[in-house]
């Protein structure tokens, strides 16, 4: 059970507007900066992102078919605004992981409750 499309629409209209200013500064939250595949417009999408040895991993709470995920995959990377800085990331790949092993323990439990098991892995440039 990934979050529904109705919840996604509500979050896009209401919740994201509130969360966006904080998401680039609060631990566990970040903003993915990506460009629309057709429009070319730059978007900033609030996400749950966590550092790993190669870069970052993002929980796909709306699933791997979200527009922002498709934008990042098509572009071959994105920028991530996190903790007051911007990080360039490459090599995006979607990973299905029902164990959620790369997530911190508390986050792993919450994601399990809402059925999130897809993640976007992004690497720091070499």
C-alpha atoms as a PDB file:
ATOM      1  CA  UNK A   1       0.000   0.000   0.000  1.00  0.00           C
ATOM      2  CA  UNK A   2       1.933   3.000  -1.252  1.00  0.00           C
ATOM      3  CA  UNK A   3       0.280   6.341  -0.573  1.00  0.00           C
ATOM      4  CA  UNK A   4      -2.711   6.895  -2.855  1.00  0.00           C
ATOM      5  CA  UNK A   5      -2.945   9.265  -5.809  1.00  0.00           C
ATOM      6  CA  UNK A   6      -5.549  11.314  -3.881  1.00  0.00           C
ATOM      7  CA  UNK A   7      -3.095  11.774  -1.020  1.00  0.00           C
ATOM      8  CA  UNK A   8      -0.389  12.651  -3.552  1.00  0.00           C
ATOM      9  CA  UNK A   9      -2.579  15.347  -5.127  1.00  0.00           C
ATOM     10  CA  UNK A  10      -3.453  16.804  -1.717  1.00  0.00           C
ATOM     11  CA  UNK A  11       0.212  16.811  -0.703  1.00  0.00           C
ATOM     12  CA  UNK A  12       1.229  18.463  -3.973  1.00  0.00           C
ATOM     13  CA  UNK A  13      -1.293  21.245  -3.450  1.00  0.00           C
ATOM     14  CA  UNK A  14      -1.203  21.741   0.319  1.00  0.00           C
ATOM     15  CA  UNK A  15       1.333  19.788   2.352  1.00  0.00           C
ATOM     16  CA  UNK A  16       4.315  20.311   0.028  1.00  0.00           C
ATOM     17  CA  UNK A  17       3.853  24.085   0.148  1.00  0.00           C
ATOM     18  CA  UNK A  18       4.248  23.962   3.913  1.00  0.00           C
ATOM     19  CA  UNK A  19       7.016  21.337   3.947  1.00  0.00           C
ATOM     20  CA  UNK A  20       9.089  22.748   1.073  1.00  0.00           C
ATOM     21  CA  UNK A  21      10.836  25.537   3.048  1.00  0.00           C
ATOM     22  CA  UNK A  22      11.852  23.119   5.834  1.00  0.00           C
ATOM     23  CA  UNK A  23      12.610  20.062   3.734  1.00  0.00           C
ATOM     24  CA  UNK A  24      16.070  21.195   2.655  1.00  0.00           C
ATOM     25  CA  UNK A  25      17.236  21.747   6.236  1.00  0.00           C
ATOM     26  CA  UNK A  26      15.691  19.096   8.521  1.00  0.00           C
ATOM     27  CA  UNK A  27      17.547  15.737   8.872  1.00  0.00           C
ATOM     28  CA  UNK A  28      15.830  12.960   6.907  1.00  0.00           C
ATOM     29  CA  UNK A  29      14.143  15.459   4.611  1.00  0.00           C
ATOM     30  CA  UNK A  30      15.427  17.019   1.414  1.00  0.00           C
ATOM     31  CA  UNK A  31      14.296  18.531  -1.867  1.00  0.00           C
ATOM     32  CA  UNK A  32      15.001  16.845  -5.178  1.00  0.00           C
ATOM     33  CA  UNK A  33      15.694  19.471  -7.836  1.00  0.00           C
ATOM     34  CA  UNK A  34      14.733  18.088 -11.234  1.00  0.00           C
ATOM     35  CA  UNK A  35      13.655  19.275 -14.661  1.00  0.00           C
ATOM     36  CA  UNK A  36      10.395  18.258 -16.341  1.00  0.00           C
ATOM     37  CA  UNK A  37      10.904  15.853 -19.235  1.00  0.00           C
ATOM     38  CA  UNK A  38       8.520  17.731 -21.531  1.00  0.00           C
ATOM     39  CA  UNK A  39       8.127  21.191 -20.007  1.00  0.00           C
ATOM     40  CA  UNK A  40      11.769  21.771 -19.135  1.00  0.00           C
ATOM     41  CA  UNK A  41      10.529  23.502 -15.984  1.00  0.00           C
ATOM     42  CA  UNK A  42      12.622  23.131 -12.806  1.00  0.00           C
ATOM     43  CA  UNK A  43      10.825  21.504  -9.866  1.00  0.00           C
ATOM     44  CA  UNK A  44      11.717  21.055  -6.198  1.00  0.00           C
ATOM     45  CA  UNK A  45      10.048  18.004  -4.677  1.00  0.00           C
ATOM     46  CA  UNK A  46      10.179  17.334  -0.895  1.00  0.00           C
ATOM     47  CA  UNK A  47      11.352  13.790  -0.120  1.00  0.00           C
ATOM     48  CA  UNK A  48      12.701  11.590   2.663  1.00  0.00           C
ATOM     49  CA  UNK A  49      16.385  11.133   1.852  1.00  0.00           C
ATOM     50  CA  UNK A  50      19.187   9.476   3.768  1.00  0.00           C
ATOM     51  CA  UNK A  51      22.946   9.401   3.241  1.00  0.00           C
ATOM     52  CA  UNK A  52      24.582   6.099   2.362  1.00  0.00           C
ATOM     53  CA  UNK A  53      28.239   5.280   1.511  1.00  0.00           C
ATOM     54  CA  UNK A  54      27.770   5.924  -2.242  1.00  0.00           C
ATOM     55  CA  UNK A  55      25.448   8.934  -2.030  1.00  0.00           C
ATOM     56  CA  UNK A  56      21.801   9.073  -0.983  1.00  0.00           C
ATOM     57  CA  UNK A  57      18.736   6.862  -0.925  1.00  0.00           C
ATOM     58  CA  UNK A  58      15.217   8.311  -1.250  1.00  0.00           C
ATOM     59  CA  UNK A  59      12.075   6.528  -0.058  1.00  0.00           C
ATOM     60  CA  UNK A  60       9.535   6.414  -2.907  1.00  0.00           C
ATOM     61  CA  UNK A  61       6.405   6.981  -0.832  1.00  0.00           C
ATOM     62  CA  UNK A  62       4.270   7.382  -3.972  1.00  0.00           C
ATOM     63  CA  UNK A  63       5.954   4.580  -5.870  1.00  0.00           C
ATOM     64  CA  UNK A  64       8.524   4.458  -8.668  1.00  0.00           C
ATOM     65  CA  UNK A  65       6.135   5.816 -11.323  1.00  0.00           C
ATOM     66  CA  UNK A  66       5.922   9.336  -9.876  1.00  0.00           C
ATOM     67  CA  UNK A  67       6.684  12.097 -12.373  1.00  0.00           C
ATOM     68  CA  UNK A  68       9.638  13.377 -10.387  1.00  0.00           C
ATOM     69  CA  UNK A  69      11.206   9.887 -10.318  1.00  0.00           C
ATOM     70  CA  UNK A  70      10.764   9.526 -14.074  1.00  0.00           C
ATOM     71  CA  UNK A  71      12.316  12.987 -14.552  1.00  0.00           C
ATOM     72  CA  UNK A  72      15.383  12.057 -12.492  1.00  0.00           C
ATOM     73  CA  UNK A  73      15.797   8.703 -14.279  1.00  0.00           C
ATOM     74  CA  UNK A  74      15.461  10.327 -17.722  1.00  0.00           C
ATOM     75  CA  UNK A  75      18.005  13.036 -16.833  1.00  0.00           C
ATOM     76  CA  UNK A  76      20.465  10.573 -15.319  1.00  0.00           C
ATOM     77  CA  UNK A  77      20.606  12.492 -12.061  1.00  0.00           C
ATOM     78  CA  UNK A  78      19.469  15.504 -10.091  1.00  0.00           C
ATOM     79  CA  UNK A  79      20.445  17.874  -7.343  1.00  0.00           C
ATOM     80  CA  UNK A  80      19.472  17.299  -3.729  1.00  0.00           C
ATOM     81  CA  UNK A  81      18.999  20.188  -1.334  1.00  0.00           C
ATOM     82  CA  UNK A  82      19.740  18.829   2.102  1.00  0.00           C
ATOM     83  CA  UNK A  83      20.791  20.372   5.408  1.00  0.00           C
ATOM     84  CA  UNK A  84      21.294  23.767   3.806  1.00  0.00           C
ATOM     85  CA  UNK A  85      23.485  22.647   0.914  1.00  0.00           C
ATOM     86  CA  UNK A  86      23.019  21.417  -2.638  1.00  0.00           C
ATOM     87  CA  UNK A  87      24.529  18.105  -3.744  1.00  0.00           C
ATOM     88  CA  UNK A  88      24.776  16.966  -7.362  1.00  0.00           C
ATOM     89  CA  UNK A  89      23.863  13.279  -7.787  1.00  0.00           C
ATOM     90  CA  UNK A  90      24.102  10.839 -10.690  1.00  0.00           C
ATOM     91  CA  UNK A  91      23.360   7.225 -11.602  1.00  0.00           C
ATOM     92  CA  UNK A  92      19.772   7.027 -10.379  1.00  0.00           C
ATOM     93  CA  UNK A  93      18.368   3.539  -9.976  1.00  0.00           C
ATOM     94  CA  UNK A  94      15.147   2.246  -8.465  1.00  0.00           C
ATOM     95  CA  UNK A  95      15.533  -0.646  -6.023  1.00  0.00           C
ATOM     96  CA  UNK A  96      12.718  -2.750  -4.588  1.00  0.00           C
ATOM     97  CA  UNK A  97      13.636  -3.725  -1.016  1.00  0.00           C
ATOM     98  CA  UNK A  98      10.916  -5.094   1.241  1.00  0.00           C
ATOM     99  CA  UNK A  99      13.383  -5.317   4.135  1.00  0.00           C
ATOM    100  CA  UNK A 100      14.035  -1.551   3.885  1.00  0.00           C
ATOM    101  CA  UNK A 101      17.486  -2.351   5.266  1.00  0.00           C
ATOM    102  CA  UNK A 102      19.128   0.910   4.172  1.00  0.00           C
ATOM    103  CA  UNK A 103      16.676   3.009   6.170  1.00  0.00           C
ATOM    104  CA  UNK A 104      17.203   4.055   9.806  1.00  0.00           C
ATOM    105  CA  UNK A 105      15.273   1.797  12.209  1.00  0.00           C
ATOM    106  CA  UNK A 106      12.389   4.166  13.056  1.00  0.00           C
ATOM    107  CA  UNK A 107      11.971   5.183   9.424  1.00  0.00           C
ATOM    108  CA  UNK A 108      12.077   1.533   8.364  1.00  0.00           C
ATOM    109  CA  UNK A 109       9.149   0.785  10.680  1.00  0.00           C
ATOM    110  CA  UNK A 110       7.047   3.721   9.457  1.00  0.00           C
ATOM    111  CA  UNK A 111       7.712   2.857   5.810  1.00  0.00           C
ATOM    112  CA  UNK A 112       6.722  -0.735   6.566  1.00  0.00           C
ATOM    113  CA  UNK A 113       3.402   0.426   8.030  1.00  0.00           C
ATOM    114  CA  UNK A 114       2.524   2.341   4.860  1.00  0.00           C
ATOM    115  CA  UNK A 115       3.915  -0.345   2.544  1.00  0.00           C
ATOM    116  CA  UNK A 116       6.826   1.536   1.004  1.00  0.00           C
ATOM    117  CA  UNK A 117       9.418  -0.838  -0.422  1.00  0.00           C
ATOM    118  CA  UNK A 118      10.783   1.082  -3.426  1.00  0.00           C
ATOM    119  CA  UNK A 119      13.767   3.397  -3.170  1.00  0.00           C
ATOM    120  CA  UNK A 120      15.744   5.654  -5.477  1.00  0.00           C
ATOM    121  CA  UNK A 121      19.501   5.286  -5.084  1.00  0.00           C
ATOM    122  CA  UNK A 122      21.640   8.208  -6.227  1.00  0.00           C
ATOM    123  CA  UNK A 123      25.443   8.362  -6.342  1.00  0.00           C
ATOM    124  CA  UNK A 124      27.830  11.207  -5.677  1.00  0.00           C
ATOM    125  CA  UNK A 125      29.862  11.986  -8.819  1.00  0.00           C
ATOM    126  CA  UNK A 126      33.301  10.370  -8.899  1.00  0.00           C
END
